N, C-alpha and C. Protein backbone atom coordinates (compact mmCIF):
# COMPACT_ATOMS: atom_id res chain seq x y z
N UNK A 1 -3.84 -17.45 0.67
CA UNK A 1 -4.12 -16.05 0.43
C UNK A 1 -4.84 -15.90 -0.90
N UNK A 2 -5.89 -15.14 -0.89
CA UNK A 2 -6.62 -14.87 -2.11
C UNK A 2 -5.95 -13.75 -2.88
N UNK A 3 -6.14 -13.77 -4.18
CA UNK A 3 -5.55 -12.71 -5.01
C UNK A 3 -6.27 -11.39 -4.77
N UNK A 4 -7.56 -11.43 -4.51
CA UNK A 4 -8.34 -10.20 -4.42
C UNK A 4 -8.22 -9.49 -3.07
N UNK A 5 -7.59 -10.09 -2.07
CA UNK A 5 -7.47 -9.41 -0.79
C UNK A 5 -6.34 -8.39 -0.86
N UNK A 6 -6.61 -7.17 -0.39
CA UNK A 6 -5.56 -6.15 -0.41
C UNK A 6 -4.46 -6.47 0.59
N UNK A 7 -3.26 -6.01 0.31
CA UNK A 7 -2.14 -6.30 1.20
C UNK A 7 -2.27 -5.47 2.47
N UNK A 8 -1.99 -6.11 3.59
CA UNK A 8 -2.09 -5.42 4.88
C UNK A 8 -1.02 -4.35 5.01
N UNK A 9 0.16 -4.59 4.45
CA UNK A 9 1.22 -3.59 4.55
C UNK A 9 0.86 -2.33 3.76
N UNK A 10 0.21 -2.50 2.62
CA UNK A 10 -0.22 -1.34 1.84
C UNK A 10 -1.27 -0.52 2.57
N UNK A 11 -2.23 -1.20 3.18
CA UNK A 11 -3.28 -0.51 3.92
C UNK A 11 -2.69 0.20 5.14
N UNK A 12 -1.77 -0.48 5.84
CA UNK A 12 -1.15 0.14 7.01
C UNK A 12 -0.29 1.34 6.62
N UNK A 13 0.38 1.27 5.49
CA UNK A 13 1.20 2.42 5.08
C UNK A 13 0.33 3.62 4.73
N UNK A 14 -0.79 3.40 4.04
CA UNK A 14 -1.70 4.50 3.72
C UNK A 14 -2.26 5.11 5.01
N UNK A 15 -2.72 4.26 5.91
CA UNK A 15 -3.26 4.78 7.16
C UNK A 15 -2.20 5.47 8.00
N UNK A 16 -0.97 4.95 7.98
CA UNK A 16 0.12 5.60 8.72
C UNK A 16 0.44 6.97 8.15
N UNK A 17 0.48 7.09 6.83
CA UNK A 17 0.74 8.39 6.21
C UNK A 17 -0.38 9.39 6.54
N UNK A 18 -1.62 8.91 6.50
CA UNK A 18 -2.73 9.81 6.83
C UNK A 18 -2.70 10.23 8.30
N UNK A 19 -2.34 9.31 9.19
CA UNK A 19 -2.22 9.65 10.60
C UNK A 19 -1.11 10.67 10.82
N UNK A 20 0.03 10.48 10.16
CA UNK A 20 1.13 11.43 10.29
C UNK A 20 0.73 12.80 9.74
N UNK A 21 0.04 12.82 8.62
CA UNK A 21 -0.41 14.09 8.04
C UNK A 21 -1.34 14.81 9.00
N UNK A 22 -2.26 14.07 9.62
CA UNK A 22 -3.17 14.68 10.58
C UNK A 22 -2.43 15.22 11.79
N UNK A 23 -1.51 14.44 12.33
CA UNK A 23 -0.77 14.88 13.51
C UNK A 23 0.11 16.09 13.21
N UNK A 24 0.79 16.08 12.07
CA UNK A 24 1.60 17.25 11.71
C UNK A 24 0.73 18.48 11.52
N UNK A 25 -0.41 18.32 10.88
CA UNK A 25 -1.32 19.44 10.68
C UNK A 25 -1.89 19.96 11.98
N UNK A 26 -2.25 19.06 12.88
CA UNK A 26 -2.78 19.48 14.18
C UNK A 26 -1.72 20.21 14.99
N UNK A 27 -0.49 19.70 14.96
CA UNK A 27 0.60 20.38 15.67
C UNK A 27 0.91 21.74 15.05
N UNK A 28 0.84 21.82 13.73
CA UNK A 28 1.07 23.10 13.06
C UNK A 28 0.00 24.12 13.47
N UNK A 29 -1.23 23.67 13.53
CA UNK A 29 -2.32 24.58 13.94
C UNK A 29 -2.19 24.97 15.40
N UNK A 30 -1.79 24.03 16.24
CA UNK A 30 -1.67 24.30 17.67
C UNK A 30 -0.50 25.23 17.96
N UNK A 31 0.58 25.14 17.18
CA UNK A 31 1.76 25.96 17.42
C UNK A 31 1.70 27.33 16.76
N UNK A 32 0.68 27.60 15.95
CA UNK A 32 0.63 28.89 15.27
C UNK A 32 0.58 30.00 16.32
N UNK A 33 1.50 30.98 16.24
CA UNK A 33 1.59 32.00 17.29
C UNK A 33 0.42 32.98 17.27
N UNK A 34 0.08 33.47 18.46
CA UNK A 34 -1.00 34.45 18.57
C UNK A 34 -0.47 35.88 18.53
N UNK A 35 0.82 36.05 18.71
CA UNK A 35 1.41 37.39 18.64
C UNK A 35 2.73 37.31 17.87
N UNK A 36 3.17 38.43 17.28
CA UNK A 36 4.38 38.42 16.45
C UNK A 36 5.67 38.13 17.22
N UNK A 37 5.66 38.29 18.52
CA UNK A 37 6.89 38.03 19.27
C UNK A 37 7.24 36.56 19.35
N UNK A 38 6.31 35.70 18.98
CA UNK A 38 6.57 34.25 18.95
C UNK A 38 6.78 33.78 17.52
N UNK A 39 7.52 34.52 16.72
CA UNK A 39 7.70 34.22 15.31
C UNK A 39 8.39 32.88 15.08
N UNK A 40 9.21 32.44 16.04
CA UNK A 40 9.89 31.15 15.89
C UNK A 40 8.91 29.99 15.81
N UNK A 41 7.84 30.10 16.58
CA UNK A 41 6.81 29.06 16.50
C UNK A 41 6.07 29.11 15.16
N UNK A 42 6.00 30.30 14.57
CA UNK A 42 5.39 30.42 13.25
C UNK A 42 6.20 29.68 12.19
N UNK A 43 7.53 29.79 12.28
CA UNK A 43 8.39 29.08 11.34
C UNK A 43 8.22 27.57 11.53
N UNK A 44 8.23 27.13 12.78
CA UNK A 44 8.04 25.71 13.07
C UNK A 44 6.67 25.24 12.58
N UNK A 45 5.66 26.07 12.74
CA UNK A 45 4.32 25.73 12.29
C UNK A 45 4.27 25.59 10.77
N UNK A 46 4.97 26.47 10.06
CA UNK A 46 5.00 26.38 8.60
C UNK A 46 5.72 25.11 8.16
N UNK A 47 6.81 24.76 8.84
CA UNK A 47 7.54 23.53 8.51
C UNK A 47 6.66 22.30 8.75
N UNK A 48 5.93 22.31 9.87
CA UNK A 48 5.03 21.18 10.16
C UNK A 48 3.88 21.12 9.15
N UNK A 49 3.40 22.26 8.70
CA UNK A 49 2.36 22.28 7.68
C UNK A 49 2.86 21.72 6.36
N UNK A 50 4.11 22.05 6.01
CA UNK A 50 4.70 21.49 4.79
C UNK A 50 4.88 19.98 4.92
N UNK A 51 5.31 19.53 6.10
CA UNK A 51 5.46 18.09 6.33
C UNK A 51 4.11 17.39 6.25
N UNK A 52 3.07 18.06 6.75
CA UNK A 52 1.72 17.49 6.67
C UNK A 52 1.28 17.34 5.22
N UNK A 53 1.53 18.34 4.42
CA UNK A 53 1.19 18.26 2.99
C UNK A 53 1.98 17.16 2.29
N UNK A 54 3.26 17.04 2.64
CA UNK A 54 4.10 15.98 2.06
C UNK A 54 3.56 14.60 2.41
N UNK A 55 3.20 14.38 3.66
CA UNK A 55 2.66 13.08 4.07
C UNK A 55 1.32 12.80 3.41
N UNK A 56 0.52 13.84 3.20
CA UNK A 56 -0.75 13.66 2.51
C UNK A 56 -0.53 13.23 1.07
N UNK A 57 0.45 13.85 0.40
CA UNK A 57 0.77 13.45 -0.97
C UNK A 57 1.34 12.03 -1.02
N UNK A 58 2.15 11.67 -0.03
CA UNK A 58 2.66 10.29 0.03
C UNK A 58 1.52 9.29 0.21
N UNK A 59 0.52 9.65 1.03
CA UNK A 59 -0.63 8.77 1.22
C UNK A 59 -1.42 8.62 -0.07
N UNK A 60 -1.59 9.71 -0.81
CA UNK A 60 -2.31 9.63 -2.09
C UNK A 60 -1.55 8.77 -3.09
N UNK A 61 -0.21 8.91 -3.13
CA UNK A 61 0.58 8.06 -4.03
C UNK A 61 0.46 6.59 -3.64
N UNK A 62 0.48 6.31 -2.34
CA UNK A 62 0.36 4.92 -1.88
C UNK A 62 -1.02 4.36 -2.22
N UNK A 63 -2.06 5.21 -2.14
CA UNK A 63 -3.41 4.76 -2.50
C UNK A 63 -3.49 4.42 -3.99
N UNK A 64 -2.90 5.27 -4.83
CA UNK A 64 -2.92 5.02 -6.27
C UNK A 64 -2.14 3.74 -6.59
N UNK A 65 -1.02 3.55 -5.93
CA UNK A 65 -0.21 2.34 -6.15
C UNK A 65 -0.98 1.09 -5.72
N UNK A 66 -1.64 1.16 -4.57
CA UNK A 66 -2.42 0.03 -4.08
C UNK A 66 -3.60 -0.26 -5.00
N UNK A 67 -4.25 0.79 -5.49
CA UNK A 67 -5.37 0.60 -6.42
C UNK A 67 -4.90 -0.03 -7.72
N UNK A 68 -3.77 0.43 -8.22
CA UNK A 68 -3.23 -0.14 -9.46
C UNK A 68 -2.86 -1.60 -9.30
N UNK A 69 -2.30 -1.95 -8.14
CA UNK A 69 -1.95 -3.34 -7.86
C UNK A 69 -3.21 -4.20 -7.82
N UNK A 70 -4.24 -3.73 -7.11
CA UNK A 70 -5.47 -4.50 -7.01
C UNK A 70 -6.16 -4.63 -8.37
N UNK A 71 -6.10 -3.59 -9.17
CA UNK A 71 -6.71 -3.64 -10.50
C UNK A 71 -5.97 -4.64 -11.39
N UNK A 72 -4.64 -4.65 -11.33
CA UNK A 72 -3.86 -5.58 -12.13
C UNK A 72 -4.08 -7.02 -11.68
N UNK A 73 -4.16 -7.24 -10.38
CA UNK A 73 -4.42 -8.60 -9.88
C UNK A 73 -5.82 -9.07 -10.26
N UNK A 74 -6.79 -8.16 -10.25
CA UNK A 74 -8.15 -8.54 -10.66
C UNK A 74 -8.18 -8.89 -12.15
N UNK A 75 -7.43 -8.13 -12.97
CA UNK A 75 -7.35 -8.45 -14.39
C UNK A 75 -6.70 -9.80 -14.61
N UNK A 76 -5.64 -10.06 -13.87
CA UNK A 76 -4.95 -11.34 -13.98
C UNK A 76 -5.85 -12.50 -13.56
N UNK A 77 -6.60 -12.31 -12.47
CA UNK A 77 -7.50 -13.36 -12.00
C UNK A 77 -8.64 -13.61 -12.98
N UNK A 78 -9.08 -12.56 -13.66
CA UNK A 78 -10.19 -12.72 -14.61
C UNK A 78 -9.74 -13.46 -15.86
N UNK A 79 -8.47 -13.35 -16.24
CA UNK A 79 -8.01 -14.01 -17.47
C UNK A 79 -7.47 -15.41 -17.22
N UNK A 80 -7.24 -15.77 -15.99
CA UNK A 80 -6.69 -17.10 -15.71
C UNK A 80 -7.82 -18.11 -15.52
N UNK A 81 -7.44 -19.37 -15.57
CA UNK A 81 -8.43 -20.43 -15.34
C UNK A 81 -7.87 -21.41 -14.33
N UNK A 82 -8.75 -22.12 -13.70
CA UNK A 82 -8.33 -23.12 -12.72
C UNK A 82 -7.76 -24.33 -13.45
N UNK A 83 -6.75 -24.96 -12.90
CA UNK A 83 -6.21 -26.14 -13.57
C UNK A 83 -7.20 -27.29 -13.58
N UNK A 84 -7.32 -27.92 -14.71
CA UNK A 84 -8.21 -29.07 -14.85
C UNK A 84 -7.41 -30.34 -14.52
N UNK A 85 -8.08 -31.40 -14.13
CA UNK A 85 -7.34 -32.63 -13.80
C UNK A 85 -6.53 -33.17 -14.98
N UNK A 86 -6.92 -32.88 -16.21
CA UNK A 86 -6.16 -33.39 -17.34
C UNK A 86 -4.81 -32.67 -17.49
N UNK A 87 -4.68 -31.49 -16.88
CA UNK A 87 -3.42 -30.75 -16.94
C UNK A 87 -2.37 -31.35 -16.01
N UNK A 88 -2.79 -32.16 -15.07
CA UNK A 88 -1.88 -32.70 -14.07
C UNK A 88 -1.44 -34.11 -14.46
N UNK A 89 -0.18 -34.41 -14.22
CA UNK A 89 0.35 -35.74 -14.53
C UNK A 89 0.15 -36.65 -13.32
N UNK A 90 -0.25 -37.88 -13.60
CA UNK A 90 -0.40 -38.84 -12.50
C UNK A 90 0.91 -39.61 -12.31
N UNK A 91 0.93 -40.49 -11.35
CA UNK A 91 2.14 -41.23 -10.99
C UNK A 91 2.65 -42.09 -12.15
N UNK A 92 1.74 -42.74 -12.88
CA UNK A 92 2.14 -43.59 -13.99
C UNK A 92 2.75 -42.79 -15.14
N UNK A 93 2.19 -41.64 -15.42
CA UNK A 93 2.74 -40.80 -16.49
C UNK A 93 4.14 -40.30 -16.16
N UNK A 94 4.39 -39.99 -14.89
CA UNK A 94 5.74 -39.55 -14.47
C UNK A 94 6.74 -40.69 -14.56
N UNK A 95 6.32 -41.90 -14.21
CA UNK A 95 7.23 -43.06 -14.30
C UNK A 95 7.54 -43.37 -15.78
N UNK A 96 6.49 -43.32 -16.64
CA UNK A 96 6.69 -43.59 -18.06
C UNK A 96 7.63 -42.55 -18.71
N UNK A 97 7.57 -41.32 -18.23
CA UNK A 97 8.42 -40.27 -18.80
C UNK A 97 9.84 -40.32 -18.23
N UNK A 98 10.08 -41.17 -17.24
CA UNK A 98 11.40 -41.28 -16.65
C UNK A 98 11.75 -40.16 -15.69
N UNK A 99 10.73 -39.48 -15.16
CA UNK A 99 10.97 -38.36 -14.27
C UNK A 99 11.20 -38.81 -12.83
N UNK A 100 10.64 -39.96 -12.48
CA UNK A 100 10.89 -40.51 -11.14
C UNK A 100 11.25 -41.97 -11.27
N UNK A 101 12.06 -42.43 -10.37
CA UNK A 101 12.44 -43.85 -10.36
C UNK A 101 11.69 -44.51 -9.23
N UNK A 102 10.88 -45.48 -9.60
CA UNK A 102 10.09 -46.16 -8.58
C UNK A 102 10.15 -47.67 -8.81
């Protein structure tokens, strides 16, 4: 896995929140009553509209969190370096240090 690839769970959560927000909003619009005698559907429509707004805010928070994670990982990748062969111990160095018995 590369450091710069975004997490699939983060992307799926953002898309899921946006899908839920759209569906709640569409249901709220569809249930809005055309006459005052259906006031119960108006209350349900308002509740669904509030849920749609909540899911939209959750999606925005998840986007900011995902962006911050990607930005921090990019900063970390930019400051790190690849290990050079001199950083690694060979078999003889490990035996001399008494780390393995061979």
